[in-house]
Amino acid sequence: MSRQASGLMAWLLQRTTAIYLAFLTGYLLLKFIFDAPADHAELVAWVAHPVVAMALMLGVPLGLIHAWVGIRNVLIDYVHPTRLRLGLMTGFVFIILASGLWFLKAIITAGLGR
């Protein structure tokens, strides 16, 4: 893909991830408003359900991609010194990767019942 189209790719990624995240957020809101788990064990059992676990495991990377594209665009648009921008981007990459690994570990651990 050419450099001129990178803005289009960022726009497309932001919109497509937002669609899935909107549905996932709506489902989670409805679940926790109308049928919230009574205790931790019930929550873990719910997260361990294969459909819920897969929806969450898909939502984590999509949420992280969505966050990265948004943060990247803000940094490119509003942080002009190149070194500062690259330093902030590097920091956010580590934060996003660590968050993703932590979320996936939590989902997998719940699925394994540990």
N, C-alpha and C. Protein backbone atom coordinates (compact mmCIF):
# COMPACT_ATOMS: atom_id res chain seq x y z
N MET A 1 0.85 -1.17 0.00
CA MET A 1 0.00 0.00 0.00
C MET A 1 0.89 1.23 0.00
N SER A 2 0.51 2.23 -0.74
CA SER A 2 1.31 3.45 -0.83
C SER A 2 1.16 4.29 0.44
N ARG A 3 2.11 5.21 0.63
CA ARG A 3 2.07 6.07 1.81
C ARG A 3 0.85 7.00 1.76
N GLN A 4 0.39 7.35 0.58
CA GLN A 4 -0.77 8.23 0.47
C GLN A 4 -2.04 7.55 0.99
N ALA A 5 -2.09 6.24 0.94
CA ALA A 5 -3.30 5.52 1.35
C ALA A 5 -3.25 5.12 2.83
N SER A 6 -2.18 5.47 3.56
CA SER A 6 -2.09 5.04 4.95
C SER A 6 -3.19 5.68 5.80
N GLY A 7 -3.60 6.89 5.46
CA GLY A 7 -4.71 7.53 6.17
C GLY A 7 -6.01 6.78 5.96
N LEU A 8 -6.22 6.29 4.75
CA LEU A 8 -7.41 5.50 4.45
C LEU A 8 -7.41 4.20 5.25
N MET A 9 -6.26 3.55 5.34
CA MET A 9 -6.17 2.30 6.09
C MET A 9 -6.45 2.53 7.57
N ALA A 10 -5.91 3.61 8.13
CA ALA A 10 -6.18 3.93 9.54
C ALA A 10 -7.66 4.21 9.74
N TRP A 11 -8.25 4.95 8.83
CA TRP A 11 -9.68 5.26 8.92
C TRP A 11 -10.51 3.97 8.87
N LEU A 12 -10.17 3.08 7.93
CA LEU A 12 -10.90 1.83 7.77
C LEU A 12 -10.75 0.93 9.01
N LEU A 13 -9.53 0.82 9.54
CA LEU A 13 -9.32 0.03 10.75
C LEU A 13 -10.12 0.58 11.92
N GLN A 14 -10.11 1.89 12.07
CA GLN A 14 -10.82 2.53 13.18
C GLN A 14 -12.32 2.24 13.08
N ARG A 15 -12.86 2.33 11.88
CA ARG A 15 -14.32 2.12 11.71
C ARG A 15 -14.71 0.66 11.85
N THR A 16 -13.93 -0.26 11.28
CA THR A 16 -14.31 -1.67 11.35
C THR A 16 -14.17 -2.21 12.78
N THR A 17 -13.12 -1.80 13.48
CA THR A 17 -12.99 -2.26 14.87
C THR A 17 -14.09 -1.64 15.74
N ALA A 18 -14.48 -0.42 15.43
CA ALA A 18 -15.53 0.25 16.21
C ALA A 18 -16.86 -0.49 16.10
N ILE A 19 -17.14 -1.05 14.95
CA ILE A 19 -18.41 -1.78 14.76
C ILE A 19 -18.47 -2.98 15.71
N TYR A 20 -17.42 -3.80 15.69
CA TYR A 20 -17.40 -4.96 16.58
C TYR A 20 -17.44 -4.53 18.04
N LEU A 21 -16.64 -3.53 18.38
CA LEU A 21 -16.58 -3.08 19.77
C LEU A 21 -17.91 -2.50 20.24
N ALA A 22 -18.65 -1.86 19.34
CA ALA A 22 -19.96 -1.32 19.70
C ALA A 22 -20.93 -2.46 20.04
N PHE A 23 -20.93 -3.52 19.23
CA PHE A 23 -21.80 -4.66 19.51
C PHE A 23 -21.38 -5.37 20.80
N LEU A 24 -20.07 -5.55 20.99
CA LEU A 24 -19.58 -6.21 22.20
C LEU A 24 -19.92 -5.38 23.45
N THR A 25 -19.73 -4.08 23.37
CA THR A 25 -20.05 -3.20 24.50
C THR A 25 -21.55 -3.24 24.81
N GLY A 26 -22.37 -3.21 23.77
CA GLY A 26 -23.82 -3.29 23.98
C GLY A 26 -24.22 -4.59 24.65
N TYR A 27 -23.64 -5.70 24.18
CA TYR A 27 -23.93 -7.00 24.79
C TYR A 27 -23.50 -7.02 26.25
N LEU A 28 -22.29 -6.54 26.53
CA LEU A 28 -21.78 -6.55 27.91
C LEU A 28 -22.63 -5.66 28.82
N LEU A 29 -23.03 -4.50 28.32
CA LEU A 29 -23.89 -3.62 29.12
C LEU A 29 -25.21 -4.30 29.45
N LEU A 30 -25.85 -4.89 28.44
CA LEU A 30 -27.12 -5.58 28.68
C LEU A 30 -26.94 -6.75 29.64
N LYS A 31 -25.88 -7.50 29.47
CA LYS A 31 -25.61 -8.65 30.35
C LYS A 31 -25.46 -8.20 31.79
N PHE A 32 -24.65 -7.17 32.02
CA PHE A 32 -24.38 -6.77 33.40
C PHE A 32 -25.48 -5.92 34.02
N ILE A 33 -26.32 -5.32 33.21
CA ILE A 33 -27.46 -4.57 33.75
C ILE A 33 -28.60 -5.52 34.12
N PHE A 34 -28.90 -6.47 33.24
CA PHE A 34 -30.09 -7.30 33.43
C PHE A 34 -29.81 -8.70 33.99
N ASP A 35 -28.58 -9.20 33.85
CA ASP A 35 -28.29 -10.56 34.29
C ASP A 35 -26.87 -10.65 34.82
N ALA A 36 -26.54 -9.79 35.76
CA ALA A 36 -25.18 -9.74 36.30
C ALA A 36 -24.87 -11.00 37.10
N PRO A 37 -23.65 -11.51 36.99
CA PRO A 37 -23.26 -12.66 37.81
C PRO A 37 -23.34 -12.30 39.29
N ALA A 38 -23.79 -13.25 40.09
CA ALA A 38 -23.99 -12.99 41.52
C ALA A 38 -22.68 -12.93 42.30
N ASP A 39 -21.69 -13.70 41.84
CA ASP A 39 -20.41 -13.72 42.56
C ASP A 39 -19.27 -14.00 41.58
N HIS A 40 -18.08 -14.06 42.12
CA HIS A 40 -16.89 -14.25 41.28
C HIS A 40 -16.93 -15.59 40.55
N ALA A 41 -17.35 -16.63 41.22
CA ALA A 41 -17.40 -17.96 40.59
C ALA A 41 -18.34 -17.97 39.40
N GLU A 42 -19.47 -17.30 39.53
CA GLU A 42 -20.43 -17.23 38.42
C GLU A 42 -19.86 -16.41 37.26
N LEU A 43 -19.14 -15.34 37.58
CA LEU A 43 -18.49 -14.53 36.55
C LEU A 43 -17.45 -15.34 35.80
N VAL A 44 -16.63 -16.09 36.52
CA VAL A 44 -15.60 -16.91 35.89
C VAL A 44 -16.25 -17.98 35.03
N ALA A 45 -17.32 -18.59 35.50
CA ALA A 45 -18.02 -19.60 34.70
C ALA A 45 -18.59 -18.99 33.43
N TRP A 46 -19.11 -17.76 33.53
CA TRP A 46 -19.66 -17.09 32.35
C TRP A 46 -18.55 -16.78 31.34
N VAL A 47 -17.42 -16.26 31.82
CA VAL A 47 -16.29 -15.95 30.93
C VAL A 47 -15.73 -17.23 30.31
N ALA A 48 -15.80 -18.34 31.03
CA ALA A 48 -15.28 -19.61 30.53
C ALA A 48 -16.14 -20.21 29.43
N HIS A 49 -17.38 -19.75 29.27
CA HIS A 49 -18.23 -20.26 28.20
C HIS A 49 -17.54 -19.98 26.87
N PRO A 50 -17.47 -20.97 25.98
CA PRO A 50 -16.70 -20.81 24.74
C PRO A 50 -17.10 -19.61 23.89
N VAL A 51 -18.39 -19.34 23.77
CA VAL A 51 -18.83 -18.22 22.93
C VAL A 51 -18.39 -16.89 23.55
N VAL A 52 -18.56 -16.77 24.86
CA VAL A 52 -18.17 -15.53 25.55
C VAL A 52 -16.66 -15.37 25.50
N ALA A 53 -15.93 -16.45 25.77
CA ALA A 53 -14.46 -16.38 25.74
C ALA A 53 -13.96 -15.98 24.36
N MET A 54 -14.54 -16.55 23.32
CA MET A 54 -14.10 -16.19 21.96
C MET A 54 -14.46 -14.75 21.62
N ALA A 55 -15.64 -14.30 22.03
CA ALA A 55 -16.02 -12.91 21.78
C ALA A 55 -15.07 -11.96 22.48
N LEU A 56 -14.71 -12.27 23.72
CA LEU A 56 -13.77 -11.43 24.46
C LEU A 56 -12.36 -11.51 23.87
N MET A 57 -11.95 -12.71 23.47
CA MET A 57 -10.60 -12.86 22.90
C MET A 57 -10.49 -12.16 21.55
N LEU A 58 -11.58 -12.05 20.83
CA LEU A 58 -11.57 -11.27 19.59
C LEU A 58 -11.66 -9.78 19.90
N GLY A 59 -12.40 -9.45 20.94
CA GLY A 59 -12.55 -8.04 21.31
C GLY A 59 -11.27 -7.41 21.83
N VAL A 60 -10.42 -8.19 22.49
CA VAL A 60 -9.17 -7.64 23.04
C VAL A 60 -8.26 -7.11 21.94
N PRO A 61 -7.87 -7.92 20.96
CA PRO A 61 -6.98 -7.36 19.92
C PRO A 61 -7.65 -6.26 19.11
N LEU A 62 -8.95 -6.39 18.85
CA LEU A 62 -9.63 -5.34 18.10
C LEU A 62 -9.67 -4.04 18.90
N GLY A 63 -9.89 -4.15 20.21
CA GLY A 63 -9.86 -2.96 21.06
C GLY A 63 -8.49 -2.32 21.10
N LEU A 64 -7.46 -3.15 21.13
CA LEU A 64 -6.10 -2.63 21.16
C LEU A 64 -5.72 -1.99 19.83
N ILE A 65 -6.14 -2.58 18.73
CA ILE A 65 -5.91 -1.96 17.41
C ILE A 65 -6.63 -0.63 17.34
N HIS A 66 -7.86 -0.61 17.81
CA HIS A 66 -8.66 0.62 17.81
C HIS A 66 -7.96 1.71 18.63
N ALA A 67 -7.48 1.32 19.81
CA ALA A 67 -6.78 2.28 20.67
C ALA A 67 -5.49 2.77 20.02
N TRP A 68 -4.74 1.85 19.42
CA TRP A 68 -3.46 2.24 18.80
C TRP A 68 -3.69 3.22 17.65
N VAL A 69 -4.64 2.94 16.79
CA VAL A 69 -4.90 3.83 15.65
C VAL A 69 -5.30 5.21 16.15
N GLY A 70 -6.14 5.27 17.16
CA GLY A 70 -6.56 6.56 17.70
C GLY A 70 -5.41 7.32 18.34
N ILE A 71 -4.63 6.64 19.18
CA ILE A 71 -3.49 7.29 19.83
C ILE A 71 -2.46 7.73 18.80
N ARG A 72 -2.19 6.87 17.84
CA ARG A 72 -1.22 7.18 16.79
C ARG A 72 -1.64 8.43 16.02
N ASN A 73 -2.90 8.51 15.66
CA ASN A 73 -3.38 9.68 14.92
C ASN A 73 -3.28 10.96 15.74
N VAL A 74 -3.62 10.89 17.01
CA VAL A 74 -3.50 12.07 17.88
C VAL A 74 -2.04 12.50 17.99
N LEU A 75 -1.14 11.54 18.19
CA LEU A 75 0.28 11.89 18.31
C LEU A 75 0.82 12.48 17.01
N ILE A 76 0.45 11.91 15.88
CA ILE A 76 0.92 12.43 14.59
C ILE A 76 0.40 13.84 14.36
N ASP A 77 -0.85 14.07 14.72
CA ASP A 77 -1.47 15.38 14.46
C ASP A 77 -1.02 16.47 15.43
N TYR A 78 -0.76 16.12 16.69
CA TYR A 78 -0.58 17.15 17.71
C TYR A 78 0.79 17.20 18.37
N VAL A 79 1.63 16.19 18.19
CA VAL A 79 2.98 16.21 18.77
C VAL A 79 3.95 16.37 17.61
N HIS A 80 4.55 17.55 17.51
CA HIS A 80 5.36 17.86 16.34
C HIS A 80 6.83 17.48 16.45
N PRO A 81 7.49 17.59 17.61
CA PRO A 81 8.90 17.16 17.68
C PRO A 81 8.99 15.64 17.44
N THR A 82 9.78 15.27 16.45
CA THR A 82 9.83 13.87 16.01
C THR A 82 10.28 12.93 17.12
N ARG A 83 11.33 13.29 17.83
CA ARG A 83 11.83 12.40 18.89
C ARG A 83 10.79 12.19 19.99
N LEU A 84 10.13 13.25 20.39
CA LEU A 84 9.09 13.13 21.41
C LEU A 84 7.95 12.25 20.91
N ARG A 85 7.53 12.47 19.67
CA ARG A 85 6.44 11.67 19.10
C ARG A 85 6.82 10.20 19.05
N LEU A 86 8.04 9.89 18.60
CA LEU A 86 8.48 8.49 18.53
C LEU A 86 8.60 7.88 19.93
N GLY A 87 9.08 8.67 20.89
CA GLY A 87 9.16 8.17 22.26
C GLY A 87 7.80 7.86 22.84
N LEU A 88 6.85 8.75 22.62
CA LEU A 88 5.49 8.52 23.10
C LEU A 88 4.86 7.32 22.40
N MET A 89 5.07 7.19 21.10
CA MET A 89 4.53 6.04 20.37
C MET A 89 5.11 4.74 20.91
N THR A 90 6.41 4.73 21.15
CA THR A 90 7.06 3.53 21.69
C THR A 90 6.49 3.18 23.06
N GLY A 91 6.31 4.18 23.90
CA GLY A 91 5.73 3.94 25.22
C GLY A 91 4.32 3.38 25.13
N PHE A 92 3.52 3.95 24.23
CA PHE A 92 2.15 3.46 24.08
C PHE A 92 2.11 2.05 23.50
N VAL A 93 3.05 1.71 22.62
CA VAL A 93 3.11 0.35 22.08
C VAL A 93 3.34 -0.64 23.21
N PHE A 94 4.28 -0.34 24.10
CA PHE A 94 4.54 -1.25 25.23
C PHE A 94 3.33 -1.35 26.15
N ILE A 95 2.67 -0.24 26.42
CA ILE A 95 1.48 -0.25 27.27
C ILE A 95 0.37 -1.08 26.64
N ILE A 96 0.15 -0.89 25.34
CA ILE A 96 -0.91 -1.62 24.64
C ILE A 96 -0.60 -3.11 24.59
N LEU A 97 0.65 -3.47 24.29
CA LEU A 97 1.02 -4.89 24.25
C LEU A 97 0.88 -5.53 25.63
N ALA A 98 1.35 -4.85 26.67
CA ALA A 98 1.23 -5.40 28.03
C ALA A 98 -0.24 -5.55 28.42
N SER A 99 -1.07 -4.58 28.07
CA SER A 99 -2.50 -4.66 28.37
C SER A 99 -3.14 -5.84 27.65
N GLY A 100 -2.79 -6.02 26.39
CA GLY A 100 -3.34 -7.12 25.61
C GLY A 100 -2.96 -8.47 26.18
N LEU A 101 -1.70 -8.63 26.56
CA LEU A 101 -1.27 -9.89 27.16
C LEU A 101 -1.97 -10.14 28.48
N TRP A 102 -2.14 -9.09 29.28
CA TRP A 102 -2.81 -9.25 30.57
C TRP A 102 -4.28 -9.65 30.37
N PHE A 103 -4.97 -8.99 29.44
CA PHE A 103 -6.38 -9.33 29.17
C PHE A 103 -6.51 -10.77 28.69
N LEU A 104 -5.67 -11.16 27.74
CA LEU A 104 -5.76 -12.52 27.21
C LEU A 104 -5.43 -13.55 28.29
N LYS A 105 -4.45 -13.26 29.13
CA LYS A 105 -4.13 -14.17 30.24
C LYS A 105 -5.33 -14.32 31.17
N ALA A 106 -6.01 -13.23 31.46
CA ALA A 106 -7.18 -13.29 32.34
C ALA A 106 -8.29 -14.13 31.72
N ILE A 107 -8.52 -13.96 30.43
CA ILE A 107 -9.58 -14.73 29.75
C ILE A 107 -9.21 -16.20 29.69
N ILE A 108 -7.97 -16.50 29.33
CA ILE A 108 -7.54 -17.90 29.23
C ILE A 108 -7.55 -18.56 30.60
N THR A 109 -7.09 -17.85 31.63
CA THR A 109 -7.11 -18.40 32.99
C THR A 109 -8.53 -18.70 33.43
N ALA A 110 -9.46 -17.81 33.13
CA ALA A 110 -10.86 -18.06 33.48
C ALA A 110 -11.38 -19.27 32.72
N GLY A 111 -10.99 -19.40 31.46
CA GLY A 111 -11.44 -20.52 30.65
C GLY A 111 -10.90 -21.85 31.14
N LEU A 112 -9.70 -21.83 31.71
CA LEU A 112 -9.11 -23.07 32.23
C LEU A 112 -9.56 -23.37 33.65
N GLY A 113 -10.25 -22.42 34.26
CA GLY A 113 -10.77 -22.64 35.60
C GLY A 113 -9.74 -22.56 36.70
N ARG A 114 -8.69 -21.75 36.50
CA ARG A 114 -7.64 -21.64 37.52
C ARG A 114 -7.80 -20.39 38.32
